[in-house]
Amino acid sequence: MNNTGRKTITLLTGLGIGAALAVLFAPQSGEETREWIADTAERRFKGLRRMGRRSYRRLQDAVTEGEEKVTEVLRNGKKALGSVATKLD
């Protein structure tokens, strides 16, 4: 057997031993691990959704505030133009 064949067999043997040890010493069963992953993913998804809603509300508030300020500036500009127009007449 050549050197490459030995290295391949050694690699596969090491992977097999590692997988066997992982199964023997796993802290939880496969079902428990799947449940933990699902619960963690769901919690994080809900947290991201909450953050998204909060950000959306803040954005809506900022847009509303901006609209109010633009309206106020336009109203004041209209009054100023009206005042200048009456002085020119």
PDB file of N, CA and C in Angstrom:
ATOM      1  N   MET A   1       0.851  -1.169   0.000  1.00  0.00           N
ATOM      2  CA  MET A   1       0.000   0.000   0.000  1.00  0.00           C
ATOM      3  C   MET A   1       0.905   1.244   0.000  1.00  0.00           C
ATOM      4  N   ASN A   2       0.525   2.241  -0.797  1.00  0.00           N
ATOM      5  CA  ASN A   2       1.356   3.440  -0.857  1.00  0.00           C
ATOM      6  C   ASN A   2       1.017   4.399   0.286  1.00  0.00           C
ATOM      7  N   ASN A   3       1.771   5.477   0.355  1.00  0.00           N
ATOM      8  CA  ASN A   3       1.646   6.441   1.439  1.00  0.00           C
ATOM      9  C   ASN A   3       0.274   7.125   1.438  1.00  0.00           C
ATOM     10  N   THR A   4      -0.278   7.431   0.253  1.00  0.00           N
ATOM     11  CA  THR A   4      -1.588   8.088   0.161  1.00  0.00           C
ATOM     12  C   THR A   4      -2.681   7.174   0.696  1.00  0.00           C
ATOM     13  N   GLY A   5      -2.599   5.888   0.375  1.00  0.00           N
ATOM     14  CA  GLY A   5      -3.588   4.925   0.866  1.00  0.00           C
ATOM     15  C   GLY A   5      -3.566   4.816   2.383  1.00  0.00           C
ATOM     16  N   ARG A   6      -2.368   4.812   2.957  1.00  0.00           N
ATOM     17  CA  ARG A   6      -2.253   4.755   4.432  1.00  0.00           C
ATOM     18  C   ARG A   6      -2.856   6.001   5.067  1.00  0.00           C
ATOM     19  N   LYS A   7      -2.570   7.148   4.467  1.00  0.00           N
ATOM     20  CA  LYS A   7      -3.110   8.403   5.020  1.00  0.00           C
ATOM     21  C   LYS A   7      -4.632   8.416   4.946  1.00  0.00           C
ATOM     22  N   THR A   8      -5.184   7.911   3.870  1.00  0.00           N
ATOM     23  CA  THR A   8      -6.642   7.866   3.717  1.00  0.00           C
ATOM     24  C   THR A   8      -7.263   6.933   4.753  1.00  0.00           C
ATOM     25  N   ILE A   9      -6.670   5.775   4.932  1.00  0.00           N
ATOM     26  CA  ILE A   9      -7.185   4.822   5.922  1.00  0.00           C
ATOM     27  C   ILE A   9      -7.070   5.413   7.328  1.00  0.00           C
ATOM     28  N   THR A  10      -5.956   6.071   7.616  1.00  0.00           N
ATOM     29  CA  THR A  10      -5.767   6.687   8.928  1.00  0.00           C
ATOM     30  C   THR A  10      -6.818   7.779   9.154  1.00  0.00           C
ATOM     31  N   LEU A  11      -7.076   8.580   8.126  1.00  0.00           N
ATOM     32  CA  LEU A  11      -8.077   9.645   8.238  1.00  0.00           C
ATOM     33  C   LEU A  11      -9.460   9.059   8.496  1.00  0.00           C
ATOM     34  N   LEU A  12      -9.844   8.074   7.721  1.00  0.00           N
ATOM     35  CA  LEU A  12     -11.161   7.459   7.888  1.00  0.00           C
ATOM     36  C   LEU A  12     -11.293   6.771   9.243  1.00  0.00           C
ATOM     37  N   THR A  13     -10.232   6.128   9.707  1.00  0.00           N
ATOM     38  CA  THR A  13     -10.246   5.497  11.032  1.00  0.00           C
ATOM     39  C   THR A  13     -10.423   6.558  12.122  1.00  0.00           C
ATOM     40  N   GLY A  14      -9.705   7.650  11.981  1.00  0.00           N
ATOM     41  CA  GLY A  14      -9.821   8.735  12.959  1.00  0.00           C
ATOM     42  C   GLY A  14     -11.219   9.329  12.980  1.00  0.00           C
ATOM     43  N   LEU A  15     -11.792   9.514  11.784  1.00  0.00           N
ATOM     44  CA  LEU A  15     -13.170  10.026  11.719  1.00  0.00           C
ATOM     45  C   LEU A  15     -14.153   9.062  12.373  1.00  0.00           C
ATOM     46  N   GLY A  16     -13.977   7.784  12.127  1.00  0.00           N
ATOM     47  CA  GLY A  16     -14.858   6.775  12.723  1.00  0.00           C
ATOM     48  C   GLY A  16     -14.755   6.766  14.237  1.00  0.00           C
ATOM     49  N   ILE A  17     -13.524   6.788  14.737  1.00  0.00           N
ATOM     50  CA  ILE A  17     -13.316   6.799  16.197  1.00  0.00           C
ATOM     51  C   ILE A  17     -13.910   8.078  16.799  1.00  0.00           C
ATOM     52  N   GLY A  18     -13.703   9.200  16.137  1.00  0.00           N
ATOM     53  CA  GLY A  18     -14.256  10.470  16.632  1.00  0.00           C
ATOM     54  C   GLY A  18     -15.771  10.458  16.672  1.00  0.00           C
ATOM     55  N   ALA A  19     -16.390   9.932  15.628  1.00  0.00           N
ATOM     56  CA  ALA A  19     -17.852   9.849  15.593  1.00  0.00           C
ATOM     57  C   ALA A  19     -18.369   8.915  16.686  1.00  0.00           C
ATOM     58  N   ALA A  20     -17.708   7.787  16.892  1.00  0.00           N
ATOM     59  CA  ALA A  20     -18.123   6.846  17.931  1.00  0.00           C
ATOM     60  C   ALA A  20     -18.010   7.477  19.320  1.00  0.00           C
ATOM     61  N   LEU A  21     -16.918   8.183  19.571  1.00  0.00           N
ATOM     62  CA  LEU A  21     -16.739   8.846  20.872  1.00  0.00           C
ATOM     63  C   LEU A  21     -17.773   9.955  21.060  1.00  0.00           C
ATOM     64  N   ALA A  22     -18.086  10.670  19.986  1.00  0.00           N
ATOM     65  CA  ALA A  22     -19.088  11.738  20.085  1.00  0.00           C
ATOM     66  C   ALA A  22     -20.446  11.166  20.463  1.00  0.00           C
ATOM     67  N   VAL A  23     -20.812  10.039  19.884  1.00  0.00           N
ATOM     68  CA  VAL A  23     -22.093   9.402  20.202  1.00  0.00           C
ATOM     69  C   VAL A  23     -22.083   8.887  21.640  1.00  0.00           C
ATOM     70  N   LEU A  24     -20.964   8.291  22.070  1.00  0.00           N
ATOM     71  CA  LEU A  24     -20.886   7.743  23.433  1.00  0.00           C
ATOM     72  C   LEU A  24     -20.933   8.823  24.510  1.00  0.00           C
ATOM     73  N   PHE A  25     -20.267   9.932  24.267  1.00  0.00           N
ATOM     74  CA  PHE A  25     -20.139  10.950  25.305  1.00  0.00           C
ATOM     75  C   PHE A  25     -21.010  12.185  25.075  1.00  0.00           C
ATOM     76  N   ALA A  26     -21.972  12.097  24.191  1.00  0.00           N
ATOM     77  CA  ALA A  26     -22.872  13.232  23.941  1.00  0.00           C
ATOM     78  C   ALA A  26     -23.660  13.529  25.210  1.00  0.00           C
ATOM     79  N   PRO A  27     -23.769  14.808  25.588  1.00  0.00           N
ATOM     80  CA  PRO A  27     -24.473  15.157  26.821  1.00  0.00           C
ATOM     81  C   PRO A  27     -25.988  14.974  26.717  1.00  0.00           C
ATOM     82  N   GLN A  28     -26.525  14.960  25.491  1.00  0.00           N
ATOM     83  CA  GLN A  28     -27.966  14.820  25.313  1.00  0.00           C
ATOM     84  C   GLN A  28     -28.227  13.810  24.204  1.00  0.00           C
ATOM     85  N   SER A  29     -29.455  13.317  24.199  1.00  0.00           N
ATOM     86  CA  SER A  29     -29.826  12.413  23.110  1.00  0.00           C
ATOM     87  C   SER A  29     -30.061  13.239  21.847  1.00  0.00           C
ATOM     88  N   GLY A  30     -30.182  12.571  20.731  1.00  0.00           N
ATOM     89  CA  GLY A  30     -30.432  13.274  19.470  1.00  0.00           C
ATOM     90  C   GLY A  30     -31.722  14.055  19.498  1.00  0.00           C
ATOM     91  N   GLU A  31     -32.764  13.456  20.081  1.00  0.00           N
ATOM     92  CA  GLU A  31     -34.058  14.141  20.165  1.00  0.00           C
ATOM     93  C   GLU A  31     -33.957  15.396  21.032  1.00  0.00           C
ATOM     94  N   GLU A  32     -33.283  15.271  22.172  1.00  0.00           N
ATOM     95  CA  GLU A  32     -33.115  16.438  23.053  1.00  0.00           C
ATOM     96  C   GLU A  32     -32.328  17.535  22.356  1.00  0.00           C
ATOM     97  N   THR A  33     -31.310  17.150  21.609  1.00  0.00           N
ATOM     98  CA  THR A  33     -30.498  18.133  20.881  1.00  0.00           C
ATOM     99  C   THR A  33     -31.332  18.826  19.820  1.00  0.00           C
ATOM    100  N   ARG A  34     -32.139  18.069  19.085  1.00  0.00           N
ATOM    101  CA  ARG A  34     -33.005  18.669  18.063  1.00  0.00           C
ATOM    102  C   ARG A  34     -33.994  19.635  18.703  1.00  0.00           C
ATOM    103  N   GLU A  35     -34.571  19.253  19.848  1.00  0.00           N
ATOM    104  CA  GLU A  35     -35.502  20.141  20.557  1.00  0.00           C
ATOM    105  C   GLU A  35     -34.796  21.412  21.002  1.00  0.00           C
ATOM    106  N   TRP A  36     -33.580  21.275  21.523  1.00  0.00           N
ATOM    107  CA  TRP A  36     -32.820  22.445  21.973  1.00  0.00           C
ATOM    108  C   TRP A  36     -32.549  23.382  20.798  1.00  0.00           C
ATOM    109  N   ILE A  37     -32.144  22.806  19.667  1.00  0.00           N
ATOM    110  CA  ILE A  37     -31.871  23.631  18.482  1.00  0.00           C
ATOM    111  C   ILE A  37     -33.145  24.338  18.029  1.00  0.00           C
ATOM    112  N   ALA A  38     -34.259  23.622  17.981  1.00  0.00           N
ATOM    113  CA  ALA A  38     -35.526  24.214  17.545  1.00  0.00           C
ATOM    114  C   ALA A  38     -35.965  25.320  18.500  1.00  0.00           C
ATOM    115  N   ASP A  39     -35.878  25.075  19.810  1.00  0.00           N
ATOM    116  CA  ASP A  39     -36.271  26.084  20.796  1.00  0.00           C
ATOM    117  C   ASP A  39     -35.392  27.325  20.698  1.00  0.00           C
ATOM    118  N   THR A  40     -34.100  27.108  20.571  1.00  0.00           N
ATOM    119  CA  THR A  40     -33.176  28.237  20.466  1.00  0.00           C
ATOM    120  C   THR A  40     -33.458  29.049  19.201  1.00  0.00           C
ATOM    121  N   ALA A  41     -33.665  28.366  18.092  1.00  0.00           N
ATOM    122  CA  ALA A  41     -33.955  29.062  16.835  1.00  0.00           C
ATOM    123  C   ALA A  41     -35.259  29.841  16.949  1.00  0.00           C
ATOM    124  N   GLU A  42     -36.270  29.246  17.558  1.00  0.00           N
ATOM    125  CA  GLU A  42     -37.562  29.928  17.704  1.00  0.00           C
ATOM    126  C   GLU A  42     -37.441  31.163  18.601  1.00  0.00           C
ATOM    127  N   ARG A  43     -36.712  31.035  19.717  1.00  0.00           N
ATOM    128  CA  ARG A  43     -36.517  32.181  20.616  1.00  0.00           C
ATOM    129  C   ARG A  43     -35.811  33.326  19.901  1.00  0.00           C
ATOM    130  N   ARG A  44     -34.780  32.987  19.169  1.00  0.00           N
ATOM    131  CA  ARG A  44     -34.022  34.030  18.461  1.00  0.00           C
ATOM    132  C   ARG A  44     -34.855  34.665  17.355  1.00  0.00           C
ATOM    133  N   PHE A  45     -35.656  33.850  16.668  1.00  0.00           N
ATOM    134  CA  PHE A  45     -36.524  34.384  15.624  1.00  0.00           C
ATOM    135  C   PHE A  45     -37.534  35.354  16.222  1.00  0.00           C
ATOM    136  N   LYS A  46     -38.135  34.977  17.363  1.00  0.00           N
ATOM    137  CA  LYS A  46     -39.093  35.869  18.025  1.00  0.00           C
ATOM    138  C   LYS A  46     -38.414  37.160  18.461  1.00  0.00           C
ATOM    139  N   GLY A  47     -37.191  37.055  18.977  1.00  0.00           N
ATOM    140  CA  GLY A  47     -36.455  38.253  19.384  1.00  0.00           C
ATOM    141  C   GLY A  47     -36.176  39.169  18.200  1.00  0.00           C
ATOM    142  N   LEU A  48     -35.776  38.583  17.088  1.00  0.00           N
ATOM    143  CA  LEU A  48     -35.539  39.387  15.883  1.00  0.00           C
ATOM    144  C   LEU A  48     -36.823  40.036  15.393  1.00  0.00           C
ATOM    145  N   ARG A  49     -37.925  39.302  15.477  1.00  0.00           N
ATOM    146  CA  ARG A  49     -39.210  39.867  15.053  1.00  0.00           C
ATOM    147  C   ARG A  49     -39.601  41.048  15.942  1.00  0.00           C
ATOM    148  N   ARG A  50     -39.376  40.913  17.263  1.00  0.00           N
ATOM    149  CA  ARG A  50     -39.665  42.021  18.187  1.00  0.00           C
ATOM    150  C   ARG A  50     -38.817  43.231  17.860  1.00  0.00           C
ATOM    151  N   MET A  51     -37.532  42.994  17.606  1.00  0.00           N
ATOM    152  CA  MET A  51     -36.645  44.104  17.251  1.00  0.00           C
ATOM    153  C   MET A  51     -37.103  44.766  15.952  1.00  0.00           C
ATOM    154  N   GLY A  52     -37.543  43.974  15.000  1.00  0.00           N
ATOM    155  CA  GLY A  52     -38.036  44.514  13.733  1.00  0.00           C
ATOM    156  C   GLY A  52     -39.268  45.371  13.937  1.00  0.00           C
ATOM    157  N   ARG A  53     -40.188  44.902  14.763  1.00  0.00           N
ATOM    158  CA  ARG A  53     -41.406  45.690  15.048  1.00  0.00           C
ATOM    159  C   ARG A  53     -41.055  47.003  15.726  1.00  0.00           C
ATOM    160  N   ARG A  54     -40.145  46.931  16.716  1.00  0.00           N
ATOM    161  CA  ARG A  54     -39.727  48.150  17.408  1.00  0.00           C
ATOM    162  C   ARG A  54     -39.100  49.147  16.441  1.00  0.00           C
ATOM    163  N   SER A  55     -38.230  48.649  15.588  1.00  0.00           N
ATOM    164  CA  SER A  55     -37.565  49.515  14.614  1.00  0.00           C
ATOM    165  C   SER A  55     -38.580  50.114  13.655  1.00  0.00           C
ATOM    166  N   TYR A  56     -39.555  49.326  13.240  1.00  0.00           N
ATOM    167  CA  TYR A  56     -40.583  49.818  12.327  1.00  0.00           C
ATOM    168  C   TYR A  56     -41.405  50.929  12.984  1.00  0.00           C
ATOM    169  N   ARG A  57     -41.773  50.737  14.262  1.00  0.00           N
ATOM    170  CA  ARG A  57     -42.526  51.786  14.976  1.00  0.00           C
ATOM    171  C   ARG A  57     -41.697  53.061  15.112  1.00  0.00           C
ATOM    172  N   ARG A  58     -40.416  52.916  15.435  1.00  0.00           N
ATOM    173  CA  ARG A  58     -39.552  54.096  15.536  1.00  0.00           C
ATOM    174  C   ARG A  58     -39.449  54.815  14.197  1.00  0.00           C
ATOM    175  N   LEU A  59     -39.351  54.048  13.132  1.00  0.00           N
ATOM    176  CA  LEU A  59     -39.279  54.644  11.802  1.00  0.00           C
ATOM    177  C   LEU A  59     -40.571  55.376  11.478  1.00  0.00           C
ATOM    178  N   GLN A  60     -41.710  54.765  11.799  1.00  0.00           N
ATOM    179  CA  GLN A  60     -42.992  55.427  11.574  1.00  0.00           C
ATOM    180  C   GLN A  60     -43.066  56.730  12.363  1.00  0.00           C
ATOM    181  N   ASP A  61     -42.638  56.712  13.622  1.00  0.00           N
ATOM    182  CA  ASP A  61     -42.644  57.920  14.446  1.00  0.00           C
ATOM    183  C   ASP A  61     -41.747  58.996  13.839  1.00  0.00           C
ATOM    184  N   ALA A  62     -40.576  58.608  13.357  1.00  0.00           N
ATOM    185  CA  ALA A  62     -39.646  59.563  12.759  1.00  0.00           C
ATOM    186  C   ALA A  62     -40.236  60.172  11.487  1.00  0.00           C
ATOM    187  N   VAL A  63     -40.889  59.360  10.676  1.00  0.00           N
ATOM    188  CA  VAL A  63     -41.505  59.864   9.446  1.00  0.00           C
ATOM    189  C   VAL A  63     -42.634  60.829   9.791  1.00  0.00           C
ATOM    190  N   THR A  64     -43.459  60.469  10.758  1.00  0.00           N
ATOM    191  CA  THR A  64     -44.556  61.345  11.172  1.00  0.00           C
ATOM    192  C   THR A  64     -44.010  62.679  11.686  1.00  0.00           C
ATOM    193  N   GLU A  65     -42.986  62.603  12.522  1.00  0.00           N
ATOM    194  CA  GLU A  65     -42.369  63.828  13.050  1.00  0.00           C
ATOM    195  C   GLU A  65     -41.783  64.670  11.912  1.00  0.00           C
ATOM    196  N   GLY A  66     -41.149  64.032  10.962  1.00  0.00           N
ATOM    197  CA  GLY A  66     -40.589  64.749   9.814  1.00  0.00           C
ATOM    198  C   GLY A  66     -41.680  65.422   8.991  1.00  0.00           C
ATOM    199  N   GLU A  67     -42.779  64.722   8.768  1.00  0.00           N
ATOM    200  CA  GLU A  67     -43.899  65.302   8.024  1.00  0.00           C
ATOM    201  C   GLU A  67     -44.445  66.531   8.739  1.00  0.00           C
ATOM    202  N   GLU A  68     -44.582  66.427  10.064  1.00  0.00           N
ATOM    203  CA  GLU A  68     -45.087  67.570  10.842  1.00  0.00           C
ATOM    204  C   GLU A  68     -44.152  68.770  10.733  1.00  0.00           C
ATOM    205  N   LYS A  69     -42.846  68.518  10.796  1.00  0.00           N
ATOM    206  CA  LYS A  69     -41.884  69.617  10.699  1.00  0.00           C
ATOM    207  C   LYS A  69     -41.899  70.252   9.315  1.00  0.00           C
ATOM    208  N   VAL A  70     -41.983  69.430   8.278  1.00  0.00           N
ATOM    209  CA  VAL A  70     -42.035  69.971   6.909  1.00  0.00           C
ATOM    210  C   VAL A  70     -43.308  70.795   6.732  1.00  0.00           C
ATOM    211  N   THR A  71     -44.424  70.304   7.236  1.00  0.00           N
ATOM    212  CA  THR A  71     -45.688  71.041   7.143  1.00  0.00           C
ATOM    213  C   THR A  71     -45.566  72.379   7.860  1.00  0.00           C
ATOM    214  N   GLU A  72     -44.960  72.375   9.035  1.00  0.00           N
ATOM    215  CA  GLU A  72     -44.789  73.612   9.806  1.00  0.00           C
ATOM    216  C   GLU A  72     -43.898  74.604   9.044  1.00  0.00           C
ATOM    217  N   VAL A  73     -42.805  74.122   8.470  1.00  0.00           N
ATOM    218  CA  VAL A  73     -41.910  74.998   7.706  1.00  0.00           C
ATOM    219  C   VAL A  73     -42.640  75.578   6.505  1.00  0.00           C
ATOM    220  N   LEU A  74     -43.396  74.759   5.802  1.00  0.00           N
ATOM    221  CA  LEU A  74     -44.148  75.250   4.645  1.00  0.00           C
ATOM    222  C   LEU A  74     -45.202  76.277   5.056  1.00  0.00           C
ATOM    223  N   ARG A  75     -45.873  76.009   6.163  1.00  0.00           N
ATOM    224  CA  ARG A  75     -46.886  76.944   6.662  1.00  0.00           C
ATOM    225  C   ARG A  75     -46.239  78.284   7.016  1.00  0.00           C
ATOM    226  N   ASN A  76     -45.091  78.231   7.717  1.00  0.00           N
ATOM    227  CA  ASN A  76     -44.391  79.469   8.083  1.00  0.00           C
ATOM    228  C   ASN A  76     -43.884  80.195   6.843  1.00  0.00           C
ATOM    229  N   GLY A  77     -43.405  79.454   5.845  1.00  0.00           N
ATOM    230  CA  GLY A  77     -42.949  80.065   4.599  1.00  0.00           C
ATOM    231  C   GLY A  77     -44.089  80.749   3.869  1.00  0.00           C
ATOM    232  N   LYS A  78     -45.244  80.115   3.867  1.00  0.00           N
ATOM    233  CA  LYS A  78     -46.429  80.701   3.217  1.00  0.00           C
ATOM    234  C   LYS A  78     -46.831  81.994   3.918  1.00  0.00           C
ATOM    235  N   LYS A  79     -46.792  81.974   5.257  1.00  0.00           N
ATOM    236  CA  LYS A  79     -47.122  83.186   6.022  1.00  0.00           C
ATOM    237  C   LYS A  79     -46.120  84.295   5.712  1.00  0.00           C
ATOM    238  N   ALA A  80     -44.829  83.950   5.652  1.00  0.00           N
ATOM    239  CA  ALA A  80     -43.795  84.945   5.367  1.00  0.00           C
ATOM    240  C   ALA A  80     -43.988  85.534   3.972  1.00  0.00           C
ATOM    241  N   LEU A  81     -44.300  84.693   2.990  1.00  0.00           N
ATOM    242  CA  LEU A  81     -44.546  85.187   1.640  1.00  0.00           C
ATOM    243  C   LEU A  81     -45.774  86.088   1.598  1.00  0.00           C
ATOM    244  N   GLY A  82     -46.804  85.691   2.334  1.00  0.00           N
ATOM    245  CA  GLY A  82     -48.014  86.531   2.403  1.00  0.00           C
ATOM    246  C   GLY A  82     -47.704  87.874   3.030  1.00  0.00           C
ATOM    247  N   SER A  83     -46.890  87.884   4.054  1.00  0.00           N
ATOM    248  CA  SER A  83     -46.508  89.125   4.728  1.00  0.00           C
ATOM    249  C   SER A  83     -45.707  90.014   3.788  1.00  0.00           C
ATOM    250  N   VAL A  84     -44.782  89.469   3.059  1.00  0.00           N
ATOM    251  CA  VAL A  84     -43.968  90.241   2.111  1.00  0.00           C
ATOM    252  C   VAL A  84     -44.853  90.760   0.989  1.00  0.00           C
ATOM    253  N   ALA A  85     -45.790  89.943   0.518  1.00  0.00           N
ATOM    254  CA  ALA A  85     -46.673  90.334  -0.580  1.00  0.00           C
ATOM    255  C   ALA A  85     -47.551  91.517  -0.175  1.00  0.00           C
ATOM    256  N   THR A  86     -48.058  91.521   1.077  1.00  0.00           N
ATOM    257  CA  THR A  86     -48.898  92.629   1.524  1.00  0.00           C
ATOM    258  C   THR A  86     -48.080  93.908   1.667  1.00  0.00           C
ATOM    259  N   LYS A  87     -46.813  93.799   2.027  1.00  0.00           N
ATOM    260  CA  LYS A  87     -45.976  94.974   2.146  1.00  0.00           C
ATOM    261  C   LYS A  87     -45.623  95.565   0.774  1.00  0.00           C
ATOM    262  N   LEU A  88     -45.569  94.709  -0.239  1.00  0.00           N
ATOM    263  CA  LEU A  88     -45.246  95.177  -1.579  1.00  0.00           C
ATOM    264  C   LEU A  88     -46.435  95.847  -2.247  1.00  0.00           C
ATOM    265  N   ASP A  89     -47.636  95.517  -1.800  1.00  0.00           N
ATOM    266  CA  ASP A  89     -48.847  96.122  -2.407  1.00  0.00           C
ATOM    267  C   ASP A  89     -49.059  97.503  -1.963  1.00  0.00           C
TER     268      ASP A  89
END
